Amino acid sequence: LAVNNNPREALLCMARADVLVTSFSSLGWVAALLHEGVVFHPDVDHEKAGEKTHWDLRDQYLDWAENWFRIADVRRRPADVQAA
């Protein structure tokens, strides 16, 4: 776990992590794009309340990379997670 209040340094730190667990922030999504290891995105159940917009990436585009998974995929798709 790393805490950093400098967006550039935080992004570089997250992109170098062995395993990246994102949030619903745009910084988390950008780090996921740069990350070559396994990336876990929050499950839909843990989304903040509120109406989604067309640019909201909370539950869209998880097929952009073979190393992107939902947290629930650890139990649902263990072979795929391990292969990534």
C-alpha atoms as a PDB file:
ATOM      1  CA  LEU A   1       0.000   0.000   0.000  1.00  0.00           C
ATOM      2  CA  ALA A   2       1.362   3.384  -0.969  1.00  0.00           C
ATOM      3  CA  VAL A   3      -0.060   6.801  -0.234  1.00  0.00           C
ATOM      4  CA  ASN A   4       1.038   9.718  -2.340  1.00  0.00           C
ATOM      5  CA  ASN A   5      -0.540  13.150  -2.878  1.00  0.00           C
ATOM      6  CA  ASN A   6       1.401  13.833  -6.099  1.00  0.00           C
ATOM      7  CA  PRO A   7      -0.707  12.547  -9.034  1.00  0.00           C
ATOM      8  CA  ARG A   8       2.290  11.912 -11.320  1.00  0.00           C
ATOM      9  CA  GLU A   9       4.230  10.008  -8.685  1.00  0.00           C
ATOM     10  CA  ALA A  10       1.107   8.124  -7.598  1.00  0.00           C
ATOM     11  CA  LEU A  11       0.412   7.055 -11.186  1.00  0.00           C
ATOM     12  CA  LEU A  12       3.975   5.842 -11.700  1.00  0.00           C
ATOM     13  CA  CYS A  13       3.907   3.994  -8.385  1.00  0.00           C
ATOM     14  CA  MET A  14       0.590   2.282  -9.193  1.00  0.00           C
ATOM     15  CA  ALA A  15       1.753   1.309 -12.691  1.00  0.00           C
ATOM     16  CA  ARG A  16       4.789  -0.473 -11.185  1.00  0.00           C
ATOM     17  CA  ALA A  17       2.834  -2.490  -8.617  1.00  0.00           C
ATOM     18  CA  ASP A  18       2.847  -6.288  -8.803  1.00  0.00           C
ATOM     19  CA  VAL A  19      -0.944  -6.328  -8.461  1.00  0.00           C
ATOM     20  CA  LEU A  20      -3.094  -3.241  -8.911  1.00  0.00           C
ATOM     21  CA  VAL A  21      -6.444  -2.831  -7.163  1.00  0.00           C
ATOM     22  CA  THR A  22      -8.166   0.202  -8.625  1.00  0.00           C
ATOM     23  CA  SER A  23     -10.883   2.457  -7.335  1.00  0.00           C
ATOM     24  CA  PHE A  24     -13.559   4.203  -9.350  1.00  0.00           C
ATOM     25  CA  SER A  25     -11.251   7.165  -9.891  1.00  0.00           C
ATOM     26  CA  SER A  26      -9.871   8.179 -13.267  1.00  0.00           C
ATOM     27  CA  LEU A  27      -6.354   7.907 -11.831  1.00  0.00           C
ATOM     28  CA  GLY A  28      -6.965   4.230 -11.096  1.00  0.00           C
ATOM     29  CA  TRP A  29      -8.140   3.615 -14.654  1.00  0.00           C
ATOM     30  CA  VAL A  30      -5.129   5.385 -16.149  1.00  0.00           C
ATOM     31  CA  ALA A  31      -2.790   3.318 -13.974  1.00  0.00           C
ATOM     32  CA  ALA A  32      -4.619   0.172 -15.118  1.00  0.00           C
ATOM     33  CA  LEU A  33      -3.941   1.080 -18.745  1.00  0.00           C
ATOM     34  CA  LEU A  34      -0.217   1.327 -18.028  1.00  0.00           C
ATOM     35  CA  HIS A  35      -0.034  -1.683 -15.729  1.00  0.00           C
ATOM     36  CA  GLU A  36       1.313  -4.946 -17.130  1.00  0.00           C
ATOM     37  CA  GLY A  37       0.464  -7.104 -14.095  1.00  0.00           C
ATOM     38  CA  VAL A  38      -2.901  -8.272 -12.810  1.00  0.00           C
ATOM     39  CA  VAL A  39      -5.462  -5.475 -12.350  1.00  0.00           C
ATOM     40  CA  PHE A  40      -8.548  -5.794 -10.170  1.00  0.00           C
ATOM     41  CA  HIS A  41     -11.450  -3.386 -10.536  1.00  0.00           C
ATOM     42  CA  PRO A  42     -14.161  -3.004  -7.864  1.00  0.00           C
ATOM     43  CA  ASP A  43     -17.242  -5.160  -8.116  1.00  0.00           C
ATOM     44  CA  VAL A  44     -20.453  -3.498  -9.253  1.00  0.00           C
ATOM     45  CA  ASP A  45     -21.911  -4.062  -5.768  1.00  0.00           C
ATOM     46  CA  HIS A  46     -19.436  -1.585  -4.300  1.00  0.00           C
ATOM     47  CA  GLU A  47     -20.185   1.310  -6.622  1.00  0.00           C
ATOM     48  CA  LYS A  48     -21.161   4.636  -5.174  1.00  0.00           C
ATOM     49  CA  ALA A  49     -24.800   5.523  -5.480  1.00  0.00           C
ATOM     50  CA  GLY A  50     -25.631   7.839  -8.290  1.00  0.00           C
ATOM     51  CA  GLU A  51     -26.606   7.869 -11.881  1.00  0.00           C
ATOM     52  CA  LYS A  52     -24.052   6.787 -14.430  1.00  0.00           C
ATOM     53  CA  THR A  53     -23.049   8.875 -17.414  1.00  0.00           C
ATOM     54  CA  HIS A  54     -21.857   7.849 -20.864  1.00  0.00           C
ATOM     55  CA  TRP A  55     -18.218   8.360 -19.838  1.00  0.00           C
ATOM     56  CA  ASP A  56     -18.494   6.361 -16.618  1.00  0.00           C
ATOM     57  CA  LEU A  57     -16.085   3.405 -16.707  1.00  0.00           C
ATOM     58  CA  ARG A  58     -17.290   1.669 -13.542  1.00  0.00           C
ATOM     59  CA  ASP A  59     -18.614  -1.432 -15.247  1.00  0.00           C
ATOM     60  CA  GLN A  60     -17.660  -0.887 -18.865  1.00  0.00           C
ATOM     61  CA  TYR A  61     -14.648  -1.848 -20.923  1.00  0.00           C
ATOM     62  CA  LEU A  62     -13.314  -4.606 -18.687  1.00  0.00           C
ATOM     63  CA  ASP A  63     -12.409  -6.414 -21.906  1.00  0.00           C
ATOM     64  CA  TRP A  64      -9.748  -3.864 -22.823  1.00  0.00           C
ATOM     65  CA  ALA A  65      -6.986  -6.061 -21.452  1.00  0.00           C
ATOM     66  CA  GLU A  66      -6.532  -9.728 -20.649  1.00  0.00           C
ATOM     67  CA  ASN A  67      -5.121  -8.837 -17.222  1.00  0.00           C
ATOM     68  CA  TRP A  68      -8.230  -6.916 -16.033  1.00  0.00           C
ATOM     69  CA  PHE A  69     -10.604  -8.585 -13.599  1.00  0.00           C
ATOM     70  CA  ARG A  70     -13.329  -7.822 -11.100  1.00  0.00           C
ATOM     71  CA  ILE A  71     -12.545  -8.581  -7.462  1.00  0.00           C
ATOM     72  CA  ALA A  72     -15.187 -11.347  -7.563  1.00  0.00           C
ATOM     73  CA  ASP A  73     -13.253 -13.061 -10.365  1.00  0.00           C
ATOM     74  CA  VAL A  74     -10.721 -14.282  -7.799  1.00  0.00           C
ATOM     75  CA  ARG A  75     -13.334 -16.883  -6.805  1.00  0.00           C
ATOM     76  CA  ARG A  76     -15.343 -17.041 -10.033  1.00  0.00           C
ATOM     77  CA  ARG A  77     -12.466 -17.385 -12.495  1.00  0.00           C
ATOM     78  CA  PRO A  78      -9.381 -18.453 -10.529  1.00  0.00           C
ATOM     79  CA  ALA A  79      -7.683 -20.133 -13.503  1.00  0.00           C
ATOM     80  CA  ASP A  80      -7.955 -16.970 -15.631  1.00  0.00           C
ATOM     81  CA  VAL A  81      -6.652 -14.784 -12.818  1.00  0.00           C
ATOM     82  CA  GLN A  82      -3.722 -17.088 -12.191  1.00  0.00           C
ATOM     83  CA  ALA A  83      -2.906 -17.290 -15.905  1.00  0.00           C
ATOM     84  CA  ALA A  84      -2.727 -13.502 -16.122  1.00  0.00           C
END
